[in-house]
């Protein structure tokens, strides 16, 4: 079975929805994809390429949304978010104009393009803006489901599309409304992961199981986190670990700690992600090499996690 990329699954579904809904519009910042070729050919008046002008893409998308259009602003992820931060803050945060921002190539997806193309700060940045929801996609099934959300939204959605192709974690028809899912049942230890790192978390949980260590896995794909669902899922937990391909401040681990603190839940959390003191990475050789620089390659993670969960056992 051939697995689709998140991008292809997302835009294939956007195409299907556009057949019946003439209000769907794509605004791209000099960015295409094979999945968009048919869209551009069949709906030429609803595909707008603004060139290398991401800030303009957000402004045009917001203007079209004010006229009742259902707009997807699409570009390489660091440029459609951080380059456009003020436009998103004003148009979509302050003015509450609902658009969908689809960023291609999050985390270390563009592994050999250097730190300008590595997007490892955006969850912290985007979740600081009110009225913007972040969706960190895990697989192509989720990507197709969030295309429906993009075309039926009353708020701004930021969809993080990973460039790599991953096996499906979810089955078609899965209800993603809770913002997270329990993928492996746990007892006392839970690994909370997001995006591409959920695939790593599942591999680690399988390995730990062979070593006699039980590790639950919870995939958190929506931010802000659904607090009541998270607290329900981790009931009885003694140790939590968060796992993300993102700088530690403001990311998944920080968000989890905020939720626990606000609800006076005393559970120790070990945050696994990109330490700030490591800065940006200029190493080449693939994604796992870059992860190794930050200590979140699979071998390093297994060592760190074993030491953490075995302590005081």
Protein backbone atom coordinates (compact mmCIF):
# COMPACT_ATOMS: atom_id res chain seq x y z
CA UNK A 1 0.00 0.00 0.00
CA UNK A 2 1.40 3.36 -1.04
CA UNK A 3 1.26 6.04 1.61
CA UNK A 4 0.40 9.61 0.64
CA UNK A 5 2.25 12.63 1.92
CA UNK A 6 0.30 14.86 4.26
CA UNK A 7 0.35 17.61 1.63
CA UNK A 8 -1.09 15.41 -1.12
CA UNK A 9 -3.79 13.99 1.17
CA UNK A 10 -4.72 17.50 2.31
CA UNK A 11 -4.95 19.08 -1.14
CA UNK A 12 -6.59 16.03 -2.74
CA UNK A 13 -9.40 16.44 -0.23
CA UNK A 14 -9.49 20.20 -0.78
CA UNK A 15 -9.99 19.47 -4.49
CA UNK A 16 -12.89 17.12 -3.75
CA UNK A 17 -14.56 19.71 -1.54
CA UNK A 18 -14.01 22.44 -4.14
CA UNK A 19 -16.05 20.60 -6.75
CA UNK A 20 -19.25 21.35 -4.85
CA UNK A 21 -18.12 24.45 -2.94
CA UNK A 22 -17.18 27.35 -5.19
CA UNK A 23 -16.16 29.49 -2.22
CA UNK A 24 -12.96 27.51 -1.60
CA UNK A 25 -9.87 29.46 -2.69
CA UNK A 26 -6.15 28.67 -2.45
CA UNK A 27 -3.65 31.52 -2.13
CA UNK A 28 -0.10 30.28 -2.67
CA UNK A 29 3.16 32.15 -2.19
CA UNK A 30 5.14 30.86 -5.18
CA UNK A 31 4.67 27.31 -3.95
CA UNK A 32 3.18 24.41 -5.83
CA UNK A 33 2.80 20.66 -5.49
CA UNK A 34 1.77 17.79 -7.77
CA UNK A 35 -1.51 17.61 -5.86
CA UNK A 36 -2.18 21.25 -6.76
CA UNK A 37 -1.62 20.89 -10.52
CA UNK A 38 -5.13 19.52 -11.12
CA UNK A 39 -6.64 22.15 -8.83
CA UNK A 40 -4.90 24.98 -10.69
CA UNK A 41 -6.00 23.53 -14.04
CA UNK A 42 -9.65 22.87 -13.15
CA UNK A 43 -10.26 25.89 -10.88
CA UNK A 44 -7.97 28.60 -12.32
CA UNK A 45 -10.02 31.47 -10.89
CA UNK A 46 -9.71 29.99 -7.39
CA UNK A 47 -5.95 29.52 -7.35
CA UNK A 48 -3.99 32.71 -6.71
CA UNK A 49 -0.19 32.75 -6.80
CA UNK A 50 1.06 35.94 -5.15
CA UNK A 51 4.73 35.17 -5.82
CA UNK A 52 7.41 35.28 -3.14
CA UNK A 53 5.24 37.51 -0.97
CA UNK A 54 3.94 35.57 2.02
CA UNK A 55 2.79 38.66 3.92
CA UNK A 56 0.68 39.60 0.92
CA UNK A 57 -0.73 36.07 0.85
CA UNK A 58 -2.08 36.50 4.38
CA UNK A 59 -3.55 39.92 3.52
CA UNK A 60 -5.22 38.66 0.33
CA UNK A 61 -6.48 35.52 2.08
CA UNK A 62 -7.96 37.63 4.89
CA UNK A 63 -9.60 40.02 2.41
CA UNK A 64 -11.18 37.15 0.52
CA UNK A 65 -12.39 35.63 3.80
CA UNK A 66 -14.13 38.90 4.62
CA UNK A 67 -16.08 38.39 1.38
CA UNK A 68 -17.21 34.95 2.47
CA UNK A 69 -14.54 32.84 0.80
CA UNK A 70 -12.98 29.79 2.45
CA UNK A 71 -9.30 30.48 1.99
CA UNK A 72 -6.18 28.37 2.37
CA UNK A 73 -2.92 30.36 2.44
CA UNK A 74 -0.13 27.97 1.48
CA UNK A 75 3.67 28.29 1.46
CA UNK A 76 6.85 26.90 3.00
CA UNK A 77 6.13 26.81 6.73
CA UNK A 78 8.67 29.27 8.26
CA UNK A 79 7.79 31.88 5.66
CA UNK A 80 3.99 31.66 5.90
CA UNK A 81 4.18 31.97 9.71
CA UNK A 82 7.11 33.88 11.16
CA UNK A 83 7.60 36.15 8.16
CA UNK A 84 3.89 37.00 8.41
CA UNK A 85 3.59 37.26 12.18
CA UNK A 86 2.28 40.83 12.33
CA UNK A 87 -0.24 40.21 9.53
CA UNK A 88 -1.53 37.08 11.30
CA UNK A 89 -1.66 38.88 14.64
CA UNK A 90 -3.65 41.82 13.26
CA UNK A 91 -5.90 40.20 10.67
CA UNK A 92 -6.54 36.85 12.28
CA UNK A 93 -5.78 37.38 15.96
CA UNK A 94 -7.13 40.87 16.56
CA UNK A 95 -9.73 41.09 13.77
CA UNK A 96 -10.66 37.38 14.02
CA UNK A 97 -10.79 36.90 10.24
CA UNK A 98 -10.97 33.12 9.71
CA UNK A 99 -8.48 31.63 7.24
CA UNK A 100 -6.47 28.41 7.07
CA UNK A 101 -2.69 28.73 7.02
CA UNK A 102 -1.07 25.61 5.59
CA UNK A 103 2.66 25.48 6.20
CA UNK A 104 4.70 22.93 4.26
CA UNK A 105 7.86 21.39 5.70
CA UNK A 106 7.70 21.80 9.49
CA UNK A 107 10.40 20.76 11.93
CA UNK A 108 13.41 19.37 10.09
CA UNK A 109 11.41 18.34 6.99
CA UNK A 110 13.76 20.35 4.78
CA UNK A 111 16.63 18.54 6.42
CA UNK A 112 19.41 19.64 4.08
CA UNK A 113 18.29 23.25 3.53
CA UNK A 114 19.74 24.54 6.78
CA UNK A 115 18.25 26.44 9.70
CA UNK A 116 16.46 29.02 7.54
CA UNK A 117 14.11 26.21 6.50
CA UNK A 118 13.96 24.39 9.85
CA UNK A 119 10.77 25.39 11.64
CA UNK A 120 11.27 24.65 15.34
CA UNK A 121 9.77 27.68 17.09
CA UNK A 122 6.32 28.10 15.56
CA UNK A 123 4.12 26.25 18.05
CA UNK A 124 5.32 28.58 20.81
CA UNK A 125 4.90 31.64 18.60
CA UNK A 126 1.54 30.82 17.04
CA UNK A 127 -0.13 29.62 20.23
CA UNK A 128 0.64 33.01 21.78
CA UNK A 129 -1.84 34.62 19.35
CA UNK A 130 -5.53 34.43 20.39
CA UNK A 131 -8.07 32.92 17.99
CA UNK A 132 -5.48 30.80 16.15
CA UNK A 133 -5.69 27.01 16.46
CA UNK A 134 -2.65 24.88 15.63
CA UNK A 135 -2.99 21.42 14.12
CA UNK A 136 0.23 19.39 14.11
CA UNK A 137 -0.50 16.55 11.72
CA UNK A 138 0.54 12.96 12.31
CA UNK A 139 -0.39 11.18 9.08
CA UNK A 140 -2.23 11.52 5.77
CA UNK A 141 -5.56 10.37 7.23
CA UNK A 142 -5.45 13.28 9.63
CA UNK A 143 -4.41 15.62 6.81
CA UNK A 144 -7.49 14.73 4.76
CA UNK A 145 -9.74 15.17 7.79
CA UNK A 146 -8.32 18.61 8.51
CA UNK A 147 -9.03 19.68 4.93
CA UNK A 148 -12.72 19.44 5.88
CA UNK A 149 -12.04 21.60 8.92
CA UNK A 150 -10.21 24.12 6.71
CA UNK A 151 -13.25 24.46 4.46
CA UNK A 152 -15.77 24.72 7.31
CA UNK A 153 -14.09 26.97 9.84
CA UNK A 154 -15.12 30.04 11.79
CA UNK A 155 -11.63 30.61 13.19
CA UNK A 156 -8.08 30.68 11.93
CA UNK A 157 -6.40 27.30 11.66
CA UNK A 158 -2.67 26.79 11.24
CA UNK A 159 -1.98 23.36 9.75
CA UNK A 160 1.57 21.99 10.06
CA UNK A 161 2.38 19.71 7.13
CA UNK A 162 5.41 17.46 7.38
CA UNK A 163 7.32 16.88 4.14
CA UNK A 164 8.13 13.22 4.85
CA UNK A 165 5.77 10.35 4.05
CA UNK A 166 4.70 8.32 7.10
CA UNK A 167 2.59 5.19 7.59
CA UNK A 168 -0.96 5.79 8.74
CA UNK A 169 -1.55 5.83 12.48
CA UNK A 170 -5.28 6.50 12.15
CA UNK A 171 -8.07 4.85 10.19
CA UNK A 172 -10.33 6.85 7.84
CA UNK A 173 -13.35 8.19 9.70
CA UNK A 174 -11.50 8.67 12.98
CA UNK A 175 -12.99 11.47 15.09
CA UNK A 176 -10.24 14.03 15.69
CA UNK A 177 -12.43 16.43 17.67
CA UNK A 178 -10.78 15.73 21.05
CA UNK A 179 -7.46 17.14 19.87
CA UNK A 180 -5.49 14.10 21.03
CA UNK A 181 -5.67 10.32 21.02
CA UNK A 182 -4.46 7.47 23.22
CA UNK A 183 -2.43 5.29 20.86
CA UNK A 184 -0.95 2.98 23.51
CA UNK A 185 -2.53 2.34 26.87
CA UNK A 186 -0.24 3.05 29.80
CA UNK A 187 -0.20 2.43 33.54
CA UNK A 188 2.11 4.89 35.26
CA UNK A 189 4.28 6.24 32.43
CA UNK A 190 3.05 8.17 29.41
CA UNK A 191 4.89 9.57 26.42
CA UNK A 192 3.08 12.64 25.09
CA UNK A 193 4.12 13.33 21.52
CA UNK A 194 3.12 15.55 18.63
CA UNK A 195 3.45 15.54 14.85
CA UNK A 196 6.22 13.44 13.30
CA UNK A 197 7.59 12.52 16.73
CA UNK A 198 4.49 10.43 17.39
CA UNK A 199 5.91 7.84 14.98
CA UNK A 200 9.13 7.85 16.98
CA UNK A 201 7.15 7.58 20.24
CA UNK A 202 5.35 4.47 19.00
CA UNK A 203 8.63 2.82 17.98
CA UNK A 204 10.14 3.63 21.39
CA UNK A 205 7.09 2.28 23.22
CA UNK A 206 7.34 -0.97 21.26
CA UNK A 207 11.04 -1.32 22.10
CA UNK A 208 10.46 -0.54 25.78
CA UNK A 209 7.69 -3.14 25.88
CA UNK A 210 10.19 -5.78 24.75
CA UNK A 211 12.39 -4.69 27.66
CA UNK A 212 9.53 -5.07 30.14
CA UNK A 213 8.77 -1.34 30.48
CA UNK A 214 5.19 -0.21 29.93
CA UNK A 215 4.88 3.16 28.20
CA UNK A 216 1.59 4.71 27.15
CA UNK A 217 1.59 6.97 24.07
CA UNK A 218 -0.72 9.94 23.65
CA UNK A 219 -0.67 11.84 20.36
CA UNK A 220 -1.48 15.54 20.94
CA UNK A 221 -2.24 17.17 17.61
CA UNK A 222 -4.32 20.26 18.49
CA UNK A 223 -3.19 23.39 20.31
CA UNK A 224 -4.34 24.90 22.60
CA UNK A 225 -4.52 21.54 24.34
CA UNK A 226 -7.94 20.20 25.28
CA UNK A 227 -7.29 20.34 29.02
CA UNK A 228 -10.16 18.19 30.28
CA UNK A 229 -9.35 15.39 27.82
CA UNK A 230 -5.65 15.43 28.71
CA UNK A 231 -6.34 15.29 32.45
CA UNK A 232 -8.71 12.38 31.90
CA UNK A 233 -6.18 10.45 29.79
CA UNK A 234 -3.31 10.81 32.25
CA UNK A 235 -5.35 9.99 35.34
CA UNK A 236 -3.21 7.75 37.52
CA UNK A 237 0.04 8.69 35.78
CA UNK A 238 3.15 9.09 37.90
CA UNK A 239 5.61 10.16 35.24
CA UNK A 240 5.10 11.96 31.94
CA UNK A 241 7.49 12.61 29.10
CA UNK A 242 6.81 15.07 26.28
CA UNK A 243 8.44 14.55 22.90
CA UNK A 244 8.67 17.17 20.16
CA UNK A 245 10.83 18.29 17.24
CA UNK A 246 10.64 21.86 18.52
CA UNK A 247 12.57 24.12 20.88
CA UNK A 248 11.54 23.34 24.46
CA UNK A 249 10.30 26.80 25.60
CA UNK A 250 6.66 27.30 24.67
CA UNK A 251 6.20 23.99 22.88
CA UNK A 252 4.29 20.82 23.76
CA UNK A 253 6.13 20.16 27.02
CA UNK A 254 5.68 23.71 28.24
CA UNK A 255 1.98 23.60 27.37
CA UNK A 256 1.52 20.32 29.26
CA UNK A 257 3.26 21.80 32.33
CA UNK A 258 0.98 24.85 32.17
CA UNK A 259 -2.11 22.64 32.14
CA UNK A 260 -0.90 20.56 35.08
CA UNK A 261 0.02 23.66 37.07
CA UNK A 262 -3.31 25.40 36.40
CA UNK A 263 -5.20 22.32 37.59
CA UNK A 264 -2.87 21.66 40.56
CA UNK A 265 -1.87 18.23 39.27
CA UNK A 266 1.49 17.25 40.75
CA UNK A 267 2.99 14.97 38.10
CA UNK A 268 6.64 15.12 37.15
CA UNK A 269 7.25 15.93 33.49
CA UNK A 270 10.44 15.23 31.55
CA UNK A 271 10.53 17.44 28.46
CA UNK A 272 12.29 15.95 25.44
CA UNK A 273 12.89 18.32 22.58
CA UNK A 274 15.43 20.83 21.32
CA UNK A 275 17.45 22.52 24.08
CA UNK A 276 17.85 26.25 23.54
CA UNK A 277 21.57 26.17 24.35
CA UNK A 278 22.17 24.02 21.26
CA UNK A 279 20.95 26.87 19.05
CA UNK A 280 20.47 26.21 15.35
CA UNK A 281 21.95 23.20 13.57
CA UNK A 282 24.09 23.38 10.43
CA UNK A 283 24.77 19.65 10.25
CA UNK A 284 23.89 17.68 7.15
CA UNK A 285 23.28 14.01 6.55
CA UNK A 286 19.58 13.66 7.21
CA UNK A 287 16.94 14.22 9.84
CA UNK A 288 18.25 11.64 12.30
CA UNK A 289 21.70 13.28 12.22
CA UNK A 290 20.12 16.63 13.10
CA UNK A 291 18.07 15.02 15.85
CA UNK A 292 21.27 13.49 17.18
CA UNK A 293 22.77 16.96 17.51
CA UNK A 294 19.90 17.83 19.87
CA UNK A 295 19.82 14.48 21.66
CA UNK A 296 16.43 13.36 20.33
CA UNK A 297 17.60 10.64 17.95
CA UNK A 298 16.12 7.25 18.73
CA UNK A 299 19.18 5.87 20.51
CA UNK A 300 19.54 8.93 22.75
CA UNK A 301 15.82 8.97 23.52
CA UNK A 302 15.78 5.33 24.57
CA UNK A 303 18.71 5.91 26.91
CA UNK A 304 17.17 9.06 28.42
CA UNK A 305 13.70 7.55 28.81
CA UNK A 306 14.97 4.32 30.38
CA UNK A 307 16.99 6.26 32.91
CA UNK A 308 13.99 8.45 33.73
CA UNK A 309 11.35 5.72 34.15
CA UNK A 310 13.63 3.24 35.89
CA UNK A 311 14.67 5.79 38.52
CA UNK A 312 13.10 5.07 41.91
CA UNK A 313 11.30 2.00 40.55
